[in-house]
PDB file of N, CA and C in Angstrom:
ATOM      1  N   MET A   1      78.978  85.407  98.547  1.00  0.00           N
ATOM      2  CA  MET A   1      78.560  86.728  98.054  1.00  0.00           C
ATOM      3  C   MET A   1      80.259  87.213  97.730  1.00  0.00           C
ATOM      4  N   LYS A   2      80.156  88.033  96.873  1.00  0.00           N
ATOM      5  CA  LYS A   2      81.234  88.968  96.554  1.00  0.00           C
ATOM      6  C   LYS A   2      80.999  90.089  96.685  1.00  0.00           C
ATOM      7  N   ILE A   3      82.282  90.996  96.970  1.00  0.00           N
ATOM      8  CA  ILE A   3      81.699  92.734  97.368  1.00  0.00           C
ATOM      9  C   ILE A   3      83.098  92.926  96.504  1.00  0.00           C
ATOM     10  N   ALA A   4      82.760  94.147  95.929  1.00  0.00           N
ATOM     11  CA  ALA A   4      84.019  94.860  95.254  1.00  0.00           C
ATOM     12  C   ALA A   4      83.697  96.178  95.353  1.00  0.00           C
ATOM     13  N   ARG A   5      85.117  97.019  95.333  1.00  0.00           N
ATOM     14  CA  ARG A   5      85.208  98.258  95.059  1.00  0.00           C
ATOM     15  C   ARG A   5      85.445  98.436  93.720  1.00  0.00           C
ATOM     16  N   TYR A   6      84.601  99.492  92.752  1.00  0.00           N
ATOM     17  CA  TYR A   6      85.200  99.955  91.894  1.00  0.00           C
ATOM     18  C   TYR A   6      84.832 101.381  91.060  1.00  0.00           C
ATOM     19  N   LEU A   7      85.065 101.720  89.800  1.00  0.00           N
ATOM     20  CA  LEU A   7      85.336 103.107  89.303  1.00  0.00           C
ATOM     21  C   LEU A   7      84.354 103.070  88.695  1.00  0.00           C
ATOM     22  N   LEU A   8      83.204 103.643  88.416  1.00  0.00           N
ATOM     23  CA  LEU A   8      82.376 104.079  87.262  1.00  0.00           C
ATOM     24  C   LEU A   8      81.875 105.557  87.090  1.00  0.00           C
ATOM     25  N   ALA A   9      82.267 106.044  86.038  1.00  0.00           N
ATOM     26  CA  ALA A   9      82.592 107.569  86.136  1.00  0.00           C
ATOM     27  C   ALA A   9      83.010 108.471  86.691  1.00  0.00           C
ATOM     28  N   ASN A  10      84.104 108.113  87.232  1.00  0.00           N
ATOM     29  CA  ASN A  10      84.831 108.546  88.266  1.00  0.00           C
ATOM     30  C   ASN A  10      84.495 108.561  89.454  1.00  0.00           C
ATOM     31  N   GLU A  11      83.610 107.620  90.152  1.00  0.00           N
ATOM     32  CA  GLU A  11      82.987 107.868  91.392  1.00  0.00           C
ATOM     33  C   GLU A  11      83.197 106.475  91.968  1.00  0.00           C
ATOM     34  N   THR A  12      83.872 106.409  93.178  1.00  0.00           N
ATOM     35  CA  THR A  12      83.902 104.930  93.291  1.00  0.00           C
ATOM     36  C   THR A  12      82.845 104.445  94.257  1.00  0.00           C
ATOM     37  N   ARG A  13      82.418 103.272  93.879  1.00  0.00           N
ATOM     38  CA  ARG A  13      81.022 102.389  94.302  1.00  0.00           C
ATOM     39  C   ARG A  13      81.508 101.415  95.083  1.00  0.00           C
ATOM     40  N   VAL A  14      80.860 100.500  95.632  1.00  0.00           N
ATOM     41  CA  VAL A  14      80.940  99.494  96.327  1.00  0.00           C
ATOM     42  C   VAL A  14      79.253  98.477  95.794  1.00  0.00           C
ATOM     43  N   GLY A  15      79.549  97.328  95.511  1.00  0.00           N
ATOM     44  CA  GLY A  15      78.439  96.643  95.145  1.00  0.00           C
ATOM     45  C   GLY A  15      78.873  95.181  95.171  1.00  0.00           C
ATOM     46  N   VAL A  16      77.777  94.516  94.871  1.00  0.00           N
ATOM     47  CA  VAL A  16      77.644  93.006  95.022  1.00  0.00           C
ATOM     48  C   VAL A  16      78.131  92.307  93.622  1.00  0.00           C
ATOM     49  N   VAL A  17      79.150  91.190  93.437  1.00  0.00           N
ATOM     50  CA  VAL A  17      79.302  91.133  91.846  1.00  0.00           C
ATOM     51  C   VAL A  17      78.775  89.469  92.399  1.00  0.00           C
ATOM     52  N   ASP A  18      77.741  89.496  90.734  1.00  0.00           N
ATOM     53  CA  ASP A  18      77.162  88.536  90.391  1.00  0.00           C
ATOM     54  C   ASP A  18      77.175  88.032  89.021  1.00  0.00           C
ATOM     55  N   GLY A  19      78.002  87.096  88.838  1.00  0.00           N
ATOM     56  CA  GLY A  19      78.603  86.623  87.676  1.00  0.00           C
ATOM     57  C   GLY A  19      79.352  87.963  86.890  1.00  0.00           C
ATOM     58  N   ASP A  20      79.001  88.343  85.589  1.00  0.00           N
ATOM     59  CA  ASP A  20      79.611  89.267  84.792  1.00  0.00           C
ATOM     60  C   ASP A  20      79.089  90.596  84.792  1.00  0.00           C
ATOM     61  N   ARG A  21      78.318  90.824  86.311  1.00  0.00           N
ATOM     62  CA  ARG A  21      77.612  92.022  86.654  1.00  0.00           C
ATOM     63  C   ARG A  21      77.853  92.218  87.956  1.00  0.00           C
ATOM     64  N   ILE A  22      77.752  93.803  88.183  1.00  0.00           N
ATOM     65  CA  ILE A  22      77.852  94.150  89.828  1.00  0.00           C
ATOM     66  C   ILE A  22      76.313  95.248  90.197  1.00  0.00           C
ATOM     67  N   HIS A  23      76.154  94.632  91.008  1.00  0.00           N
ATOM     68  CA  HIS A  23      74.877  95.601  91.887  1.00  0.00           C
ATOM     69  C   HIS A  23      75.418  96.446  92.787  1.00  0.00           C
ATOM     70  N   PRO A  24      75.091  97.742  92.464  1.00  0.00           N
ATOM     71  CA  PRO A  24      75.765  98.695  93.076  1.00  0.00           C
ATOM     72  C   PRO A  24      74.830  98.806  94.692  1.00  0.00           C
ATOM     73  N   PHE A  25      75.542  99.004  95.769  1.00  0.00           N
ATOM     74  CA  PHE A  25      74.966  99.181  97.079  1.00  0.00           C
ATOM     75  C   PHE A  25      74.459 100.437  97.330  1.00  0.00           C
ATOM     76  N   PRO A  26      73.498 100.960  97.994  1.00  0.00           N
ATOM     77  CA  PRO A  26      73.238 102.812  97.833  1.00  0.00           C
ATOM     78  C   PRO A  26      74.136 103.497  97.752  1.00  0.00           C
ATOM     79  N   GLU A  27      73.650 104.598  96.950  1.00  0.00           N
ATOM     80  CA  GLU A  27      74.870 105.628  96.975  1.00  0.00           C
ATOM     81  C   GLU A  27      75.308 105.973  98.454  1.00  0.00           C
ATOM     82  N   GLY A  28      76.784 106.452  98.572  1.00  0.00           N
ATOM     83  CA  GLY A  28      77.289 107.030  99.574  1.00  0.00           C
ATOM     84  C   GLY A  28      77.952 105.534 100.465  1.00  0.00           C
ATOM     85  N   THR A  29      77.709 104.372  99.946  1.00  0.00           N
ATOM     86  CA  THR A  29      77.879 103.060 100.940  1.00  0.00           C
ATOM     87  C   THR A  29      79.721 103.238 100.725  1.00  0.00           C
ATOM     88  N   THR A  30      80.263 102.954 101.477  1.00  0.00           N
ATOM     89  CA  THR A  30      81.890 103.005 101.296  1.00  0.00           C
ATOM     90  C   THR A  30      81.853 101.724 102.014  1.00  0.00           C
ATOM     91  N   ILE A  31      83.087 101.017 101.683  1.00  0.00           N
ATOM     92  CA  ILE A  31      83.624  99.911 101.802  1.00  0.00           C
ATOM     93  C   ILE A  31      83.725  99.849 103.500  1.00  0.00           C
ATOM     94  N   ASN A  32      84.029 100.827 104.085  1.00  0.00           N
ATOM     95  CA  ASN A  32      84.121 101.014 105.555  1.00  0.00           C
ATOM     96  C   ASN A  32      82.838 100.788 106.293  1.00  0.00           C
ATOM     97  N   VAL A  33      81.873 101.344 105.536  1.00  0.00           N
ATOM     98  CA  VAL A  33      80.309 101.267 106.218  1.00  0.00           C
ATOM     99  C   VAL A  33      80.104 100.029 106.110  1.00  0.00           C
ATOM    100  N   VAL A  34      80.272  99.124 104.731  1.00  0.00           N
ATOM    101  CA  VAL A  34      80.287  97.437 104.306  1.00  0.00           C
ATOM    102  C   VAL A  34      80.626  96.860 105.858  1.00  0.00           C
ATOM    103  N   VAL A  35      82.028  97.128 106.021  1.00  0.00           N
ATOM    104  CA  VAL A  35      82.551  96.479 107.105  1.00  0.00           C
ATOM    105  C   VAL A  35      81.951  96.124 108.372  1.00  0.00           C
ATOM    106  N   GLU A  36      81.606  97.621 108.660  1.00  0.00           N
ATOM    107  CA  GLU A  36      80.958  98.146 109.952  1.00  0.00           C
ATOM    108  C   GLU A  36      79.529  97.176 110.260  1.00  0.00           C
ATOM    109  N   LEU A  37      78.855  96.944 109.175  1.00  0.00           N
ATOM    110  CA  LEU A  37      77.708  96.711 109.147  1.00  0.00           C
ATOM    111  C   LEU A  37      77.507  95.007 109.556  1.00  0.00           C
ATOM    112  N   GLY A  38      78.732  94.352 109.490  1.00  0.00           N
ATOM    113  CA  GLY A  38      78.697  92.902 110.546  1.00  0.00           C
ATOM    114  C   GLY A  38      78.342  91.974 109.158  1.00  0.00           C
ATOM    115  N   LEU A  39      78.636  90.453 109.665  1.00  0.00           N
ATOM    116  CA  LEU A  39      77.772  89.652 108.500  1.00  0.00           C
ATOM    117  C   LEU A  39      76.655  89.494 108.187  1.00  0.00           C
ATOM    118  N   GLU A  40      75.775  90.088 109.424  1.00  0.00           N
ATOM    119  CA  GLU A  40      74.233  89.697 108.797  1.00  0.00           C
ATOM    120  C   GLU A  40      73.772  90.996 108.435  1.00  0.00           C
ATOM    121  N   GLY A  41      74.522  92.239 108.574  1.00  0.00           N
ATOM    122  CA  GLY A  41      74.084  93.493 107.929  1.00  0.00           C
ATOM    123  C   GLY A  41      74.628  93.106 106.843  1.00  0.00           C
ATOM    124  N   LEU A  42      75.875  92.818 106.100  1.00  0.00           N
ATOM    125  CA  LEU A  42      76.251  92.703 104.663  1.00  0.00           C
ATOM    126  C   LEU A  42      75.612  91.799 104.093  1.00  0.00           C
ATOM    127  N   LEU A  43      75.053  90.821 104.648  1.00  0.00           N
ATOM    128  CA  LEU A  43      74.111  89.730 103.832  1.00  0.00           C
ATOM    129  C   LEU A  43      72.987  90.292 103.369  1.00  0.00           C
ATOM    130  N   ASP A  44      72.321  90.918 104.569  1.00  0.00           N
ATOM    131  CA  ASP A  44      70.913  91.813 104.171  1.00  0.00           C
ATOM    132  C   ASP A  44      71.168  92.759 103.131  1.00  0.00           C
ATOM    133  N   THR A  45      72.128  93.551 103.214  1.00  0.00           N
ATOM    134  CA  THR A  45      72.328  94.798 102.101  1.00  0.00           C
ATOM    135  C   THR A  45      72.388  94.195 100.914  1.00  0.00           C
ATOM    136  N   GLY A  46      73.050  93.302 100.781  1.00  0.00           N
ATOM    137  CA  GLY A  46      73.856  92.624  99.617  1.00  0.00           C
ATOM    138  C   GLY A  46      72.556  91.946  99.081  1.00  0.00           C
ATOM    139  N   ALA A  47      71.632  91.155  99.892  1.00  0.00           N
ATOM    140  CA  ALA A  47      70.741  90.770  99.322  1.00  0.00           C
ATOM    141  C   ALA A  47      69.859  91.813  98.425  1.00  0.00           C
ATOM    142  N   GLN A  48      69.518  92.703  99.303  1.00  0.00           N
ATOM    143  CA  GLN A  48      68.620  93.916  98.868  1.00  0.00           C
ATOM    144  C   GLN A  48      69.350  94.263  97.550  1.00  0.00           C
ATOM    145  N   ALA A  49      70.574  94.696  97.494  1.00  0.00           N
ATOM    146  CA  ALA A  49      70.959  95.154  96.043  1.00  0.00           C
ATOM    147  C   ALA A  49      70.971  94.309  94.980  1.00  0.00           C
ATOM    148  N   LEU A  50      71.150  93.022  95.125  1.00  0.00           N
ATOM    149  CA  LEU A  50      70.936  92.132  93.963  1.00  0.00           C
ATOM    150  C   LEU A  50      69.411  92.113  93.772  1.00  0.00           C
ATOM    151  N   ARG A  51      68.459  92.384  94.416  1.00  0.00           N
ATOM    152  CA  ARG A  51      67.078  92.374  94.198  1.00  0.00           C
ATOM    153  C   ARG A  51      66.867  93.904  93.417  1.00  0.00           C
ATOM    154  N   THR A  52      67.388  94.854  94.399  1.00  0.00           N
ATOM    155  CA  THR A  52      66.614  96.400  93.697  1.00  0.00           C
ATOM    156  C   THR A  52      67.470  97.143  92.720  1.00  0.00           C
ATOM    157  N   SER A  53      68.940  96.716  92.796  1.00  0.00           N
ATOM    158  CA  SER A  53      69.836  97.629  92.111  1.00  0.00           C
ATOM    159  C   SER A  53      69.817  97.119  90.564  1.00  0.00           C
ATOM    160  N   PRO A  54      69.781  98.194  89.678  1.00  0.00           N
ATOM    161  CA  PRO A  54      70.337  97.819  88.353  1.00  0.00           C
ATOM    162  C   PRO A  54      71.701  97.332  88.102  1.00  0.00           C
ATOM    163  N   ALA A  55      71.764  96.126  87.232  1.00  0.00           N
ATOM    164  CA  ALA A  55      73.096  95.755  87.363  1.00  0.00           C
ATOM    165  C   ALA A  55      73.960  96.424  86.110  1.00  0.00           C
ATOM    166  N   VAL A  56      75.390  96.666  86.476  1.00  0.00           N
ATOM    167  CA  VAL A  56      76.313  97.343  85.702  1.00  0.00           C
ATOM    168  C   VAL A  56      77.223  95.798  85.204  1.00  0.00           C
ATOM    169  N   PRO A  57      77.562  95.637  83.855  1.00  0.00           N
ATOM    170  CA  PRO A  57      78.000  95.288  83.231  1.00  0.00           C
ATOM    171  C   PRO A  57      79.820  95.510  83.750  1.00  0.00           C
ATOM    172  N   LEU A  58      80.506  94.072  84.759  1.00  0.00           N
ATOM    173  CA  LEU A  58      81.931  94.392  84.796  1.00  0.00           C
ATOM    174  C   LEU A  58      82.733  95.000  84.107  1.00  0.00           C
ATOM    175  N   ALA A  59      82.268  94.769  82.656  1.00  0.00           N
ATOM    176  CA  ALA A  59      83.478  95.012  81.494  1.00  0.00           C
ATOM    177  C   ALA A  59      83.261  96.753  81.361  1.00  0.00           C
ATOM    178  N   ASP A  60      82.120  97.469  82.438  1.00  0.00           N
ATOM    179  CA  ASP A  60      81.843  98.872  82.129  1.00  0.00           C
ATOM    180  C   ASP A  60      82.904  99.483  83.483  1.00  0.00           C
ATOM    181  N   VAL A  61      83.486  98.951  84.296  1.00  0.00           N
ATOM    182  CA  VAL A  61      83.856  99.806  85.278  1.00  0.00           C
ATOM    183  C   VAL A  61      85.472  99.091  85.815  1.00  0.00           C
ATOM    184  N   THR A  62      85.875 100.025  86.743  1.00  0.00           N
ATOM    185  CA  THR A  62      87.701  99.617  86.734  1.00  0.00           C
ATOM    186  C   THR A  62      87.334  99.046  88.472  1.00  0.00           C
ATOM    187  N   LEU A  63      87.727  97.790  88.554  1.00  0.00           N
ATOM    188  CA  LEU A  63      87.995  97.180  89.929  1.00  0.00           C
ATOM    189  C   LEU A  63      89.335  98.293  90.461  1.00  0.00           C
ATOM    190  N   VAL A  64      89.081  98.588  91.789  1.00  0.00           N
ATOM    191  CA  VAL A  64      90.089  99.176  92.630  1.00  0.00           C
ATOM    192  C   VAL A  64      89.992  98.251  93.972  1.00  0.00           C
ATOM    193  N   SER A  65      91.132  98.911  94.440  1.00  0.00           N
ATOM    194  CA  SER A  65      91.440  97.992  95.602  1.00  0.00           C
ATOM    195  C   SER A  65      90.235  97.841  96.560  1.00  0.00           C
ATOM    196  N   PRO A  66      89.921  96.312  97.212  1.00  0.00           N
ATOM    197  CA  PRO A  66      88.771  95.707  97.573  1.00  0.00           C
ATOM    198  C   PRO A  66      88.725  96.778  99.498  1.00  0.00           C
ATOM    199  N   VAL A  67      89.825  97.322  99.503  1.00  0.00           N
ATOM    200  CA  VAL A  67      89.610  97.872 101.279  1.00  0.00           C
ATOM    201  C   VAL A  67      90.197  99.370 100.877  1.00  0.00           C
ATOM    202  N   GLU A  68      89.762 100.218 101.880  1.00  0.00           N
ATOM    203  CA  GLU A  68      90.638 101.525 102.424  1.00  0.00           C
ATOM    204  C   GLU A  68      91.244 101.886 103.333  1.00  0.00           C
ATOM    205  N   PRO A  69      92.102 101.312 103.410  1.00  0.00           N
ATOM    206  CA  PRO A  69      92.947 101.124 105.106  1.00  0.00           C
ATOM    207  C   PRO A  69      92.907 102.658 105.327  1.00  0.00           C
ATOM    208  N   ARG A  70      93.075 102.643 106.715  1.00  0.00           N
ATOM    209  CA  ARG A  70      93.155 104.117 107.240  1.00  0.00           C
ATOM    210  C   ARG A  70      94.619 104.182 107.898  1.00  0.00           C
ATOM    211  N   LEU A  71      95.123 103.113 108.030  1.00  0.00           N
ATOM    212  CA  LEU A  71      96.412 103.063 107.801  1.00  0.00           C
ATOM    213  C   LEU A  71      97.280 101.840 107.826  1.00  0.00           C
ATOM    214  N   LEU A  72      98.370 101.681 107.337  1.00  0.00           N
ATOM    215  CA  LEU A  72      99.158 100.614 107.236  1.00  0.00           C
ATOM    216  C   LEU A  72     100.157 100.492 108.373  1.00  0.00           C
ATOM    217  N   ARG A  73     100.260  99.355 108.702  1.00  0.00           N
ATOM    218  CA  ARG A  73     101.616  99.152 109.872  1.00  0.00           C
ATOM    219  C   ARG A  73     102.054  97.964 109.019  1.00  0.00           C
ATOM    220  N   ASP A  74     103.447  97.968 108.897  1.00  0.00           N
ATOM    221  CA  ASP A  74     104.317  97.028 108.677  1.00  0.00           C
ATOM    222  C   ASP A  74     105.211  96.251 109.984  1.00  0.00           C
ATOM    223  N   PHE A  75     104.713  95.216 110.377  1.00  0.00           N
ATOM    224  CA  PHE A  75     105.818  94.678 111.637  1.00  0.00           C
ATOM    225  C   PHE A  75     106.842  94.129 110.743  1.00  0.00           C
ATOM    226  N   THR A  76     108.192  94.867 110.676  1.00  0.00           N
ATOM    227  CA  THR A  76     109.105  94.246 109.810  1.00  0.00           C
ATOM    228  C   THR A  76     109.557  93.048 110.208  1.00  0.00           C
ATOM    229  N   THR A  77     109.484  92.475 111.448  1.00  0.00           N
ATOM    230  CA  THR A  77     109.684  91.159 111.664  1.00  0.00           C
ATOM    231  C   THR A  77     109.443  90.242 112.316  1.00  0.00           C
ATOM    232  N   PHE A  78     109.802  88.902 112.482  1.00  0.00           N
ATOM    233  CA  PHE A  78     108.672  88.064 113.445  1.00  0.00           C
ATOM    234  C   PHE A  78     109.886  87.296 114.173  1.00  0.00           C
ATOM    235  N   GLU A  79     109.339  86.507 115.351  1.00  0.00           N
ATOM    236  CA  GLU A  79     110.367  85.770 116.074  1.00  0.00           C
ATOM    237  C   GLU A  79     111.265  85.069 115.696  1.00  0.00           C
ATOM    238  N   GLN A  80     110.997  84.615 114.965  1.00  0.00           N
ATOM    239  CA  GLN A  80     112.390  83.332 114.141  1.00  0.00           C
ATOM    240  C   GLN A  80     113.281  84.016 113.328  1.00  0.00           C
ATOM    241  N   HIS A  81     112.991  85.333 112.986  1.00  0.00           N
ATOM    242  CA  HIS A  81     113.633  86.385 112.197  1.00  0.00           C
ATOM    243  C   HIS A  81     114.938  86.943 113.199  1.00  0.00           C
ATOM    244  N   VAL A  82     114.238  87.449 114.407  1.00  0.00           N
ATOM    245  CA  VAL A  82     115.044  88.072 115.490  1.00  0.00           C
ATOM    246  C   VAL A  82     115.656  87.170 115.822  1.00  0.00           C
ATOM    247  N   GLU A  83     115.286  86.007 116.327  1.00  0.00           N
ATOM    248  CA  GLU A  83     116.109  84.935 117.066  1.00  0.00           C
ATOM    249  C   GLU A  83     117.422  84.463 116.020  1.00  0.00           C
ATOM    250  N   GLY A  84     117.089  84.370 114.820  1.00  0.00           N
ATOM    251  CA  GLY A  84     118.023  84.287 113.967  1.00  0.00           C
ATOM    252  C   GLY A  84     119.288  85.303 113.683  1.00  0.00           C
ATOM    253  N   MET A  85     119.089  86.190 114.283  1.00  0.00           N
ATOM    254  CA  MET A  85     119.744  87.434 113.839  1.00  0.00           C
ATOM    255  C   MET A  85     120.362  87.661 114.887  1.00  0.00           C
ATOM    256  N   MET A  86     119.830  87.616 116.178  1.00  0.00           N
ATOM    257  CA  MET A  86     120.565  87.426 117.796  1.00  0.00           C
ATOM    258  C   MET A  86     122.179  86.535 117.685  1.00  0.00           C
ATOM    259  N   LYS A  87     121.258  85.624 116.869  1.00  0.00           N
ATOM    260  CA  LYS A  87     122.658  84.141 116.699  1.00  0.00           C
ATOM    261  C   LYS A  87     124.172  84.797 116.063  1.00  0.00           C
ATOM    262  N   PHE A  88     123.922  85.906 114.973  1.00  0.00           N
ATOM    263  CA  PHE A  88     124.986  86.160 113.973  1.00  0.00           C
ATOM    264  C   PHE A  88     125.558  87.253 115.037  1.00  0.00           C
ATOM    265  N   SER A  89     124.793  87.983 116.018  1.00  0.00           N
ATOM    266  CA  SER A  89     125.854  88.617 116.945  1.00  0.00           C
ATOM    267  C   SER A  89     126.050  88.407 118.167  1.00  0.00           C
ATOM    268  N   GLY A  90     126.101  86.813 118.403  1.00  0.00           N
ATOM    269  CA  GLY A  90     127.028  86.389 119.329  1.00  0.00           C
ATOM    270  C   GLY A  90     125.731  85.747 120.397  1.00  0.00           C
ATOM    271  N   HIS A  91     124.419  86.313 120.362  1.00  0.00           N
ATOM    272  CA  HIS A  91     123.515  86.285 121.567  1.00  0.00           C
ATOM    273  C   HIS A  91     122.699  85.001 121.255  1.00  0.00           C
ATOM    274  N   SER A  92     122.074  84.876 122.237  1.00  0.00           N
ATOM    275  CA  SER A  92     120.702  83.763 121.868  1.00  0.00           C
ATOM    276  C   SER A  92     119.592  84.088 122.543  1.00  0.00           C
ATOM    277  N   GLY A  93     118.155  83.592 121.830  1.00  0.00           N
ATOM    278  CA  GLY A  93     116.977  84.213 122.508  1.00  0.00           C
ATOM    279  C   GLY A  93     116.727  85.466 121.854  1.00  0.00           C
ATOM    280  N   ILE A  94     115.514  85.970 122.592  1.00  0.00           N
ATOM    281  CA  ILE A  94     114.881  87.326 122.153  1.00  0.00           C
ATOM    282  C   ILE A  94     114.857  88.239 123.633  1.00  0.00           C
ATOM    283  N   VAL A  95     115.342  89.646 122.842  1.00  0.00           N
ATOM    284  CA  VAL A  95     115.240  90.327 123.816  1.00  0.00           C
ATOM    285  C   VAL A  95     113.742  90.407 124.681  1.00  0.00           C
ATOM    286  N   ASP A  96     113.434  91.313 125.563  1.00  0.00           N
ATOM    287  CA  ASP A  96     112.233  91.482 126.180  1.00  0.00           C
ATOM    288  C   ASP A  96     111.546  92.655 125.321  1.00  0.00           C
ATOM    289  N   ALA A  97     112.424  93.620 124.898  1.00  0.00           N
ATOM    290  CA  ALA A  97     112.104  94.924 124.122  1.00  0.00           C
ATOM    291  C   ALA A  97     110.990  94.217 123.288  1.00  0.00           C
ATOM    292  N   PHE A  98     111.587  93.363 122.354  1.00  0.00           N
ATOM    293  CA  PHE A  98     110.907  93.020 121.087  1.00  0.00           C
ATOM    294  C   PHE A  98     109.196  92.779 121.288  1.00  0.00           C
ATOM    295  N   TYR A  99     109.077  92.358 122.550  1.00  0.00           N
ATOM    296  CA  TYR A  99     107.511  92.062 123.106  1.00  0.00           C
ATOM    297  C   TYR A  99     107.125  93.290 123.433  1.00  0.00           C
ATOM    298  N   GLU A 100     107.653  94.124 123.910  1.00  0.00           N
ATOM    299  CA  GLU A 100     107.280  95.241 124.840  1.00  0.00           C
ATOM    300  C   GLU A 100     106.692  96.298 123.529  1.00  0.00           C
ATOM    301  N   PHE A 101     107.877  96.569 122.600  1.00  0.00           N
ATOM    302  CA  PHE A 101     107.825  97.261 121.544  1.00  0.00           C
ATOM    303  C   PHE A 101     108.148  96.866 120.280  1.00  0.00           C
ATOM    304  N   PRO A 102     107.271  95.926 119.387  1.00  0.00           N
ATOM    305  CA  PRO A 102     108.020  95.403 118.560  1.00  0.00           C
ATOM    306  C   PRO A 102     107.924  96.456 117.159  1.00  0.00           C
ATOM    307  N   PRO A 103     109.233  96.116 116.330  1.00  0.00           N
ATOM    308  CA  PRO A 103     109.571  97.359 115.567  1.00  0.00           C
ATOM    309  C   PRO A 103     108.451  97.255 114.327  1.00  0.00           C
ATOM    310  N   PHE A 104     108.053  98.290 114.001  1.00  0.00           N
ATOM    311  CA  PHE A 104     107.407  98.074 112.857  1.00  0.00           C
ATOM    312  C   PHE A 104     107.205 100.152 112.127  1.00  0.00           C
ATOM    313  N   TYR A 105     106.796  99.954 110.700  1.00  0.00           N
ATOM    314  CA  TYR A 105     106.743 101.499 110.408  1.00  0.00           C
ATOM    315  C   TYR A 105     105.411 101.447 109.548  1.00  0.00           C
ATOM    316  N   THR A 106     104.918 102.770 109.741  1.00  0.00           N
ATOM    317  CA  THR A 106     103.823 103.233 109.088  1.00  0.00           C
ATOM    318  C   THR A 106     103.738 103.230 107.611  1.00  0.00           C
ATOM    319  N   ALA A 107     103.052 102.906 106.639  1.00  0.00           N
ATOM    320  CA  ALA A 107     103.219 103.533 105.349  1.00  0.00           C
ATOM    321  C   ALA A 107     101.966 104.173 104.989  1.00  0.00           C
ATOM    322  N   THR A 108     101.884 104.808 103.571  1.00  0.00           N
ATOM    323  CA  THR A 108     100.560 105.153 103.249  1.00  0.00           C
ATOM    324  C   THR A 108      99.624 104.422 103.012  1.00  0.00           C
ATOM    325  N   PRO A 109      98.601 104.614 103.430  1.00  0.00           N
ATOM    326  CA  PRO A 109      97.317 103.834 102.803  1.00  0.00           C
ATOM    327  C   PRO A 109      97.098 103.683 101.356  1.00  0.00           C
ATOM    328  N   HIS A 110      97.453 105.180 100.493  1.00  0.00           N
ATOM    329  CA  HIS A 110      97.139 105.150  99.573  1.00  0.00           C
ATOM    330  C   HIS A 110      98.248 104.281  98.028  1.00  0.00           C
ATOM    331  N   VAL A 111      98.828 103.219  99.001  1.00  0.00           N
ATOM    332  CA  VAL A 111      99.443 102.432  98.046  1.00  0.00           C
ATOM    333  C   VAL A 111      98.865 101.254  97.754  1.00  0.00           C
ATOM    334  N   THR A 112      97.741 101.035  97.858  1.00  0.00           N
ATOM    335  CA  THR A 112      96.806  99.810  98.071  1.00  0.00           C
ATOM    336  C   THR A 112      96.525  99.654  96.169  1.00  0.00           C
ATOM    337  N   THR A 113      96.444  98.619  95.816  1.00  0.00           N
ATOM    338  CA  THR A 113      95.550  98.594  94.527  1.00  0.00           C
ATOM    339  C   THR A 113      94.984  97.458  94.084  1.00  0.00           C
ATOM    340  N   GLY A 114      93.950  97.852  93.235  1.00  0.00           N
ATOM    341  CA  GLY A 114      93.289  96.459  92.907  1.00  0.00           C
ATOM    342  C   GLY A 114      93.894  95.315  92.224  1.00  0.00           C
ATOM    343  N   PRO A 115      93.278  94.246  91.275  1.00  0.00           N
ATOM    344  CA  PRO A 115      93.439  93.438  91.008  1.00  0.00           C
ATOM    345  C   PRO A 115      94.310  93.793  89.688  1.00  0.00           C
ATOM    346  N   GLY A 116      95.561  92.607  89.615  1.00  0.00           N
ATOM    347  CA  GLY A 116      96.311  93.021  88.335  1.00  0.00           C
ATOM    348  C   GLY A 116      97.199  93.684  89.104  1.00  0.00           C
TER     349      GLY A 116
END
């Protein structure tokens, strides 16, 4: 089952993709609600949408980012990178602080985009 977020008439919706059509979930259903349903709830809701929702051609919608992250955290490095960088400074190993408070930055969640 493929789930998609899309724009139709300036409204963001979520639905089940079926070939070249999409069956909308009930009005007001967000991707976060879909995720909170869990797999079983998603399968039930998706199956219901396929049975009862009028299909919209994919050609009539604009696909958008499949997720709506509330926050993006980019952990800027990984162990092998830190280890390699420590060698450049004449040290070996990884300092304990890396594990206690790994470096990261937060980014705006509004930068996610859809296909293409």
